[in-house]
PDB file of N, CA and C in Angstrom:
ATOM      1  N   UNK A   1     -83.919 -53.118 131.493  1.00  0.00           N
ATOM      2  CA  UNK A   1     -84.571 -54.027 130.437  1.00  0.00           C
ATOM      3  C   UNK A   1     -85.599 -53.138 129.628  1.00  0.00           C
ATOM      4  N   UNK A   2     -85.265 -53.300 128.343  1.00  0.00           N
ATOM      5  CA  UNK A   2     -86.126 -52.440 127.338  1.00  0.00           C
ATOM      6  C   UNK A   2     -87.409 -53.061 126.968  1.00  0.00           C
ATOM      7  N   UNK A   3     -88.408 -52.155 127.152  1.00  0.00           N
ATOM      8  CA  UNK A   3     -89.745 -52.896 126.899  1.00  0.00           C
ATOM      9  C   UNK A   3     -90.136 -52.763 125.561  1.00  0.00           C
ATOM     10  N   UNK A   4     -90.606 -53.897 125.091  1.00  0.00           N
ATOM     11  CA  UNK A   4     -91.000 -53.816 123.576  1.00  0.00           C
ATOM     12  C   UNK A   4     -92.462 -53.490 123.378  1.00  0.00           C
ATOM     13  N   UNK A   5     -92.713 -52.549 122.542  1.00  0.00           N
ATOM     14  CA  UNK A   5     -94.048 -52.344 122.301  1.00  0.00           C
ATOM     15  C   UNK A   5     -94.234 -52.307 120.748  1.00  0.00           C
ATOM     16  N   UNK A   6     -95.358 -52.703 120.303  1.00  0.00           N
ATOM     17  CA  UNK A   6     -95.663 -52.734 118.923  1.00  0.00           C
ATOM     18  C   UNK A   6     -96.021 -51.254 118.489  1.00  0.00           C
ATOM     19  N   UNK A   7     -95.204 -50.948 117.613  1.00  0.00           N
ATOM     20  CA  UNK A   7     -95.679 -49.589 117.066  1.00  0.00           C
ATOM     21  C   UNK A   7     -95.966 -49.666 115.455  1.00  0.00           C
ATOM     22  N   UNK A   8     -96.748 -49.058 114.742  1.00  0.00           N
ATOM     23  CA  UNK A   8     -97.065 -49.138 113.456  1.00  0.00           C
ATOM     24  C   UNK A   8     -96.949 -47.767 112.763  1.00  0.00           C
ATOM     25  N   UNK A   9     -96.594 -47.971 111.596  1.00  0.00           N
ATOM     26  CA  UNK A   9     -96.460 -46.585 110.845  1.00  0.00           C
ATOM     27  C   UNK A   9     -97.180 -46.803 109.490  1.00  0.00           C
ATOM     28  N   UNK A  10     -97.341 -45.793 108.794  1.00  0.00           N
ATOM     29  CA  UNK A  10     -97.842 -45.959 107.327  1.00  0.00           C
ATOM     30  C   UNK A  10     -96.711 -45.306 106.443  1.00  0.00           C
ATOM     31  N   UNK A  11     -96.258 -45.939 105.363  1.00  0.00           N
ATOM     32  CA  UNK A  11     -95.339 -45.301 104.597  1.00  0.00           C
ATOM     33  C   UNK A  11     -95.816 -44.309 103.570  1.00  0.00           C
ATOM     34  N   UNK A  12     -95.123 -43.139 103.657  1.00  0.00           N
ATOM     35  CA  UNK A  12     -95.687 -41.897 103.036  1.00  0.00           C
ATOM     36  C   UNK A  12     -94.687 -41.638 101.758  1.00  0.00           C
ATOM     37  N   UNK A  13     -93.522 -42.225 101.813  1.00  0.00           N
ATOM     38  CA  UNK A  13     -92.482 -42.030 100.706  1.00  0.00           C
ATOM     39  C   UNK A  13     -91.679 -43.273 100.525  1.00  0.00           C
ATOM     40  N   UNK A  14     -91.759 -43.704  99.292  1.00  0.00           N
ATOM     41  CA  UNK A  14     -90.740 -44.915  99.002  1.00  0.00           C
ATOM     42  C   UNK A  14     -90.052 -44.642  97.711  1.00  0.00           C
ATOM     43  N   UNK A  15     -89.823 -43.403  97.351  1.00  0.00           N
ATOM     44  CA  UNK A  15     -89.164 -43.067  96.141  1.00  0.00           C
ATOM     45  C   UNK A  15     -87.700 -43.691  95.941  1.00  0.00           C
ATOM     46  N   UNK A  16     -87.043 -43.761  97.087  1.00  0.00           N
ATOM     47  CA  UNK A  16     -85.624 -44.457  96.909  1.00  0.00           C
ATOM     48  C   UNK A  16     -85.629 -45.921  96.962  1.00  0.00           C
ATOM     49  N   UNK A  17     -86.770 -46.618  97.609  1.00  0.00           N
ATOM     50  CA  UNK A  17     -86.841 -47.872  97.848  1.00  0.00           C
ATOM     51  C   UNK A  17     -88.233 -48.568  97.445  1.00  0.00           C
ATOM     52  N   UNK A  18     -88.512 -48.203  96.153  1.00  0.00           N
ATOM     53  CA  UNK A  18     -89.888 -48.770  95.710  1.00  0.00           C
ATOM     54  C   UNK A  18     -90.065 -50.442  95.904  1.00  0.00           C
ATOM     55  N   UNK A  19     -89.002 -51.288  95.772  1.00  0.00           N
ATOM     56  CA  UNK A  19     -89.205 -52.658  95.876  1.00  0.00           C
ATOM     57  C   UNK A  19     -89.131 -53.014  97.317  1.00  0.00           C
ATOM     58  N   UNK A  20     -88.697 -52.159  98.359  1.00  0.00           N
ATOM     59  CA  UNK A  20     -88.654 -52.469  99.629  1.00  0.00           C
ATOM     60  C   UNK A  20     -89.838 -51.941 100.485  1.00  0.00           C
ATOM     61  N   UNK A  21     -90.387 -50.821  99.922  1.00  0.00           N
ATOM     62  CA  UNK A  21     -91.424 -50.156 100.641  1.00  0.00           C
ATOM     63  C   UNK A  21     -92.599 -49.928  99.788  1.00  0.00           C
ATOM     64  N   UNK A  22     -93.965 -50.243 100.280  1.00  0.00           N
ATOM     65  CA  UNK A  22     -94.903 -49.984  99.457  1.00  0.00           C
ATOM     66  C   UNK A  22     -95.702 -48.713 100.045  1.00  0.00           C
ATOM     67  N   UNK A  23     -96.000 -47.974  99.125  1.00  0.00           N
ATOM     68  CA  UNK A  23     -96.469 -46.525  99.618  1.00  0.00           C
ATOM     69  C   UNK A  23     -97.984 -46.861 100.241  1.00  0.00           C
ATOM     70  N   UNK A  24     -98.156 -46.357 101.192  1.00  0.00           N
ATOM     71  CA  UNK A  24     -99.436 -46.279 102.039  1.00  0.00           C
ATOM     72  C   UNK A  24     -99.487 -47.673 102.724  1.00  0.00           C
ATOM     73  N   UNK A  25     -98.630 -48.231 102.779  1.00  0.00           N
ATOM     74  CA  UNK A  25     -98.774 -49.759 103.604  1.00  0.00           C
ATOM     75  C   UNK A  25     -98.455 -49.488 104.948  1.00  0.00           C
ATOM     76  N   UNK A  26     -98.998 -50.285 105.809  1.00  0.00           N
ATOM     77  CA  UNK A  26     -98.808 -50.386 107.265  1.00  0.00           C
ATOM     78  C   UNK A  26     -97.470 -51.387 107.552  1.00  0.00           C
ATOM     79  N   UNK A  27     -96.605 -50.639 108.356  1.00  0.00           N
ATOM     80  CA  UNK A  27     -95.290 -51.472 108.668  1.00  0.00           C
ATOM     81  C   UNK A  27     -95.219 -51.491 110.085  1.00  0.00           C
ATOM     82  N   UNK A  28     -94.615 -52.460 110.628  1.00  0.00           N
ATOM     83  CA  UNK A  28     -94.248 -52.593 111.956  1.00  0.00           C
ATOM     84  C   UNK A  28     -92.872 -51.942 112.230  1.00  0.00           C
ATOM     85  N   UNK A  29     -92.804 -51.471 113.271  1.00  0.00           N
ATOM     86  CA  UNK A  29     -91.254 -50.850 113.654  1.00  0.00           C
ATOM     87  C   UNK A  29     -90.874 -51.684 114.842  1.00  0.00           C
ATOM     88  N   UNK A  30     -89.523 -51.643 115.066  1.00  0.00           N
ATOM     89  CA  UNK A  30     -88.806 -52.300 116.111  1.00  0.00           C
ATOM     90  C   UNK A  30     -88.087 -51.386 116.890  1.00  0.00           C
ATOM     91  N   UNK A  31     -87.900 -51.462 118.219  1.00  0.00           N
ATOM     92  CA  UNK A  31     -87.277 -50.390 119.059  1.00  0.00           C
ATOM     93  C   UNK A  31     -85.757 -50.421 118.423  1.00  0.00           C
ATOM     94  N   UNK A  32     -85.231 -49.107 118.455  1.00  0.00           N
ATOM     95  CA  UNK A  32     -83.853 -48.834 118.264  1.00  0.00           C
ATOM     96  C   UNK A  32     -83.639 -47.487 118.695  1.00  0.00           C
ATOM     97  N   UNK A  33     -83.126 -47.336 119.819  1.00  0.00           N
ATOM     98  CA  UNK A  33     -82.984 -45.895 120.324  1.00  0.00           C
ATOM     99  C   UNK A  33     -81.851 -45.212 119.605  1.00  0.00           C
ATOM    100  N   UNK A  34     -80.929 -45.929 119.268  1.00  0.00           N
ATOM    101  CA  UNK A  34     -79.792 -45.242 118.348  1.00  0.00           C
ATOM    102  C   UNK A  34     -80.248 -44.802 116.950  1.00  0.00           C
ATOM    103  N   UNK A  35     -81.162 -45.509 116.455  1.00  0.00           N
ATOM    104  CA  UNK A  35     -81.785 -45.118 115.160  1.00  0.00           C
ATOM    105  C   UNK A  35     -82.563 -43.772 115.346  1.00  0.00           C
ATOM    106  N   UNK A  36     -83.454 -43.845 116.326  1.00  0.00           N
ATOM    107  CA  UNK A  36     -84.275 -42.680 116.754  1.00  0.00           C
ATOM    108  C   UNK A  36     -83.539 -41.380 116.903  1.00  0.00           C
ATOM    109  N   UNK A  37     -82.345 -41.561 117.644  1.00  0.00           N
ATOM    110  CA  UNK A  37     -81.667 -40.314 117.732  1.00  0.00           C
ATOM    111  C   UNK A  37     -81.038 -39.634 116.475  1.00  0.00           C
ATOM    112  N   UNK A  38     -80.832 -40.647 115.292  1.00  0.00           N
ATOM    113  CA  UNK A  38     -80.308 -40.195 114.090  1.00  0.00           C
ATOM    114  C   UNK A  38     -81.486 -39.875 113.155  1.00  0.00           C
ATOM    115  N   UNK A  39     -82.827 -39.851 113.580  1.00  0.00           N
ATOM    116  CA  UNK A  39     -83.875 -39.626 112.781  1.00  0.00           C
ATOM    117  C   UNK A  39     -84.407 -40.659 111.986  1.00  0.00           C
ATOM    118  N   UNK A  40     -84.052 -41.859 112.230  1.00  0.00           N
ATOM    119  CA  UNK A  40     -84.417 -42.961 111.531  1.00  0.00           C
ATOM    120  C   UNK A  40     -85.440 -43.882 112.447  1.00  0.00           C
ATOM    121  N   UNK A  41     -85.972 -44.888 111.623  1.00  0.00           N
ATOM    122  CA  UNK A  41     -86.864 -45.996 112.103  1.00  0.00           C
ATOM    123  C   UNK A  41     -86.371 -47.360 111.622  1.00  0.00           C
ATOM    124  N   UNK A  42     -86.427 -48.303 112.549  1.00  0.00           N
ATOM    125  CA  UNK A  42     -86.167 -49.662 112.026  1.00  0.00           C
ATOM    126  C   UNK A  42     -87.490 -50.211 111.779  1.00  0.00           C
ATOM    127  N   UNK A  43     -87.647 -50.674 110.523  1.00  0.00           N
ATOM    128  CA  UNK A  43     -88.884 -51.037 110.008  1.00  0.00           C
ATOM    129  C   UNK A  43     -88.599 -52.362 109.284  1.00  0.00           C
ATOM    130  N   UNK A  44     -89.701 -53.332 109.559  1.00  0.00           N
ATOM    131  CA  UNK A  44     -89.712 -54.520 108.837  1.00  0.00           C
ATOM    132  C   UNK A  44     -90.147 -54.503 107.516  1.00  0.00           C
ATOM    133  N   UNK A  45     -89.294 -54.327 106.553  1.00  0.00           N
ATOM    134  CA  UNK A  45     -89.878 -54.094 105.263  1.00  0.00           C
ATOM    135  C   UNK A  45     -90.421 -55.391 104.327  1.00  0.00           C
ATOM    136  N   UNK A  46     -90.518 -55.193 103.037  1.00  0.00           N
ATOM    137  CA  UNK A  46     -91.098 -56.214 102.216  1.00  0.00           C
ATOM    138  C   UNK A  46     -90.145 -57.503 102.140  1.00  0.00           C
ATOM    139  N   UNK A  47     -88.830 -57.375 102.469  1.00  0.00           N
ATOM    140  CA  UNK A  47     -88.148 -58.336 102.498  1.00  0.00           C
ATOM    141  C   UNK A  47     -88.259 -59.415 103.647  1.00  0.00           C
ATOM    142  N   UNK A  48     -89.081 -58.757 104.596  1.00  0.00           N
ATOM    143  CA  UNK A  48     -89.304 -59.559 106.014  1.00  0.00           C
ATOM    144  C   UNK A  48     -88.186 -59.161 106.815  1.00  0.00           C
ATOM    145  N   UNK A  49     -87.237 -58.545 106.448  1.00  0.00           N
ATOM    146  CA  UNK A  49     -86.155 -58.165 107.419  1.00  0.00           C
ATOM    147  C   UNK A  49     -86.330 -56.731 107.836  1.00  0.00           C
ATOM    148  N   UNK A  50     -85.567 -56.293 109.149  1.00  0.00           N
ATOM    149  CA  UNK A  50     -85.670 -55.121 109.540  1.00  0.00           C
ATOM    150  C   UNK A  50     -84.476 -54.226 108.981  1.00  0.00           C
ATOM    151  N   UNK A  51     -84.904 -53.017 108.568  1.00  0.00           N
ATOM    152  CA  UNK A  51     -83.802 -52.127 107.938  1.00  0.00           C
ATOM    153  C   UNK A  51     -84.186 -50.612 108.604  1.00  0.00           C
ATOM    154  N   UNK A  52     -82.941 -49.903 108.391  1.00  0.00           N
ATOM    155  CA  UNK A  52     -83.321 -48.344 108.890  1.00  0.00           C
ATOM    156  C   UNK A  52     -83.604 -47.473 107.732  1.00  0.00           C
ATOM    157  N   UNK A  53     -84.859 -46.711 107.945  1.00  0.00           N
ATOM    158  CA  UNK A  53     -85.267 -45.872 106.977  1.00  0.00           C
ATOM    159  C   UNK A  53     -85.705 -44.483 107.733  1.00  0.00           C
ATOM    160  N   UNK A  54     -85.441 -43.369 106.879  1.00  0.00           N
ATOM    161  CA  UNK A  54     -85.786 -42.137 107.351  1.00  0.00           C
ATOM    162  C   UNK A  54     -87.254 -42.029 108.044  1.00  0.00           C
ATOM    163  N   UNK A  55     -87.118 -41.642 109.369  1.00  0.00           N
ATOM    164  CA  UNK A  55     -88.482 -41.403 110.116  1.00  0.00           C
ATOM    165  C   UNK A  55     -89.538 -40.493 109.302  1.00  0.00           C
ATOM    166  N   UNK A  56     -88.986 -39.695 108.589  1.00  0.00           N
ATOM    167  CA  UNK A  56     -89.939 -38.728 107.955  1.00  0.00           C
ATOM    168  C   UNK A  56     -90.628 -39.225 106.740  1.00  0.00           C
ATOM    169  N   UNK A  57     -90.322 -40.381 106.430  1.00  0.00           N
ATOM    170  CA  UNK A  57     -91.008 -41.271 105.344  1.00  0.00           C
ATOM    171  C   UNK A  57     -92.257 -42.001 105.812  1.00  0.00           C
ATOM    172  N   UNK A  58     -92.521 -41.911 107.176  1.00  0.00           N
ATOM    173  CA  UNK A  58     -93.650 -42.601 107.865  1.00  0.00           C
ATOM    174  C   UNK A  58     -94.438 -41.769 108.703  1.00  0.00           C
ATOM    175  N   UNK A  59     -95.605 -42.196 108.735  1.00  0.00           N
ATOM    176  CA  UNK A  59     -96.608 -41.464 109.926  1.00  0.00           C
ATOM    177  C   UNK A  59     -96.778 -42.395 110.925  1.00  0.00           C
ATOM    178  N   UNK A  60     -96.709 -42.316 112.208  1.00  0.00           N
ATOM    179  CA  UNK A  60     -96.978 -43.155 113.165  1.00  0.00           C
ATOM    180  C   UNK A  60     -98.553 -43.260 113.214  1.00  0.00           C
ATOM    181  N   UNK A  61     -99.104 -44.399 113.538  1.00  0.00           N
ATOM    182  CA  UNK A  61    -100.476 -44.588 113.773  1.00  0.00           C
ATOM    183  C   UNK A  61    -100.895 -45.599 114.807  1.00  0.00           C
ATOM    184  N   UNK A  62    -102.000 -45.319 115.252  1.00  0.00           N
ATOM    185  CA  UNK A  62    -102.527 -46.218 116.455  1.00  0.00           C
ATOM    186  C   UNK A  62    -103.774 -47.134 115.735  1.00  0.00           C
ATOM    187  N   UNK A  63    -103.736 -48.457 116.156  1.00  0.00           N
ATOM    188  CA  UNK A  63    -104.557 -49.496 115.566  1.00  0.00           C
ATOM    189  C   UNK A  63    -105.447 -49.980 116.789  1.00  0.00           C
ATOM    190  N   UNK A  64    -106.526 -50.426 116.503  1.00  0.00           N
ATOM    191  CA  UNK A  64    -107.316 -51.253 117.411  1.00  0.00           C
ATOM    192  C   UNK A  64    -106.679 -52.470 117.731  1.00  0.00           C
ATOM    193  N   UNK A  65    -106.811 -52.910 118.996  1.00  0.00           N
ATOM    194  CA  UNK A  65    -105.977 -54.111 119.601  1.00  0.00           C
ATOM    195  C   UNK A  65    -106.077 -55.297 118.497  1.00  0.00           C
ATOM    196  N   UNK A  66    -107.219 -55.577 118.143  1.00  0.00           N
ATOM    197  CA  UNK A  66    -107.360 -56.667 117.080  1.00  0.00           C
ATOM    198  C   UNK A  66    -106.745 -56.666 115.929  1.00  0.00           C
ATOM    199  N   UNK A  67    -106.581 -55.394 115.295  1.00  0.00           N
ATOM    200  CA  UNK A  67    -105.863 -55.100 114.102  1.00  0.00           C
ATOM    201  C   UNK A  67    -104.574 -55.298 114.433  1.00  0.00           C
ATOM    202  N   UNK A  68    -104.048 -54.519 115.463  1.00  0.00           N
ATOM    203  CA  UNK A  68    -102.586 -54.680 115.871  1.00  0.00           C
ATOM    204  C   UNK A  68    -102.243 -56.111 115.841  1.00  0.00           C
ATOM    205  N   UNK A  69    -102.868 -57.042 116.583  1.00  0.00           N
ATOM    206  CA  UNK A  69    -102.521 -58.504 116.500  1.00  0.00           C
ATOM    207  C   UNK A  69    -102.558 -59.054 115.190  1.00  0.00           C
ATOM    208  N   UNK A  70    -103.469 -58.839 114.422  1.00  0.00           N
ATOM    209  CA  UNK A  70    -103.528 -59.223 113.057  1.00  0.00           C
ATOM    210  C   UNK A  70    -102.209 -58.815 112.109  1.00  0.00           C
ATOM    211  N   UNK A  71    -101.827 -57.646 112.143  1.00  0.00           N
ATOM    212  CA  UNK A  71    -100.722 -57.115 111.427  1.00  0.00           C
ATOM    213  C   UNK A  71     -99.557 -57.637 112.037  1.00  0.00           C
ATOM    214  N   UNK A  72     -99.356 -57.662 113.448  1.00  0.00           N
ATOM    215  CA  UNK A  72     -98.117 -57.932 114.060  1.00  0.00           C
ATOM    216  C   UNK A  72     -97.799 -59.424 113.720  1.00  0.00           C
ATOM    217  N   UNK A  73     -98.855 -60.327 113.722  1.00  0.00           N
ATOM    218  CA  UNK A  73     -98.562 -61.801 113.476  1.00  0.00           C
ATOM    219  C   UNK A  73     -98.954 -62.346 112.214  1.00  0.00           C
ATOM    220  N   UNK A  74     -99.565 -61.448 111.517  1.00  0.00           N
ATOM    221  CA  UNK A  74     -99.894 -61.917 109.923  1.00  0.00           C
ATOM    222  C   UNK A  74    -100.901 -63.031 109.732  1.00  0.00           C
ATOM    223  N   UNK A  75    -101.539 -63.429 110.797  1.00  0.00           N
ATOM    224  CA  UNK A  75    -102.435 -64.547 110.419  1.00  0.00           C
ATOM    225  C   UNK A  75    -103.705 -64.497 111.093  1.00  0.00           C
ATOM    226  N   UNK A  76    -104.114 -63.319 111.579  1.00  0.00           N
ATOM    227  CA  UNK A  76    -105.480 -62.886 112.012  1.00  0.00           C
ATOM    228  C   UNK A  76    -105.654 -63.473 113.551  1.00  0.00           C
ATOM    229  N   UNK A  77    -106.790 -63.302 113.989  1.00  0.00           N
ATOM    230  CA  UNK A  77    -107.173 -63.745 115.218  1.00  0.00           C
ATOM    231  C   UNK A  77    -107.418 -65.279 115.259  1.00  0.00           C
ATOM    232  N   UNK A  78    -107.172 -65.929 116.344  1.00  0.00           N
ATOM    233  CA  UNK A  78    -107.498 -67.366 116.475  1.00  0.00           C
ATOM    234  C   UNK A  78    -108.463 -67.514 117.771  1.00  0.00           C
TER     235      UNK A  78
END
């Protein structure tokens, strides 16, 4: 069974997809071992859907737990 963990990245390059990715914005990634082997990340982009993008376009970041919840669920803490 694959363990799902929240991972967050900051977009450092959006030259090819400016409508799909905002420069310097935090995005959530989804686990995808095959994509990782190919040098890609599965990222939930501005469309709300997940797509593959080159991993080199992003920087992995750590967020405080409360911020991670807020970003992951989009509605803040309750």
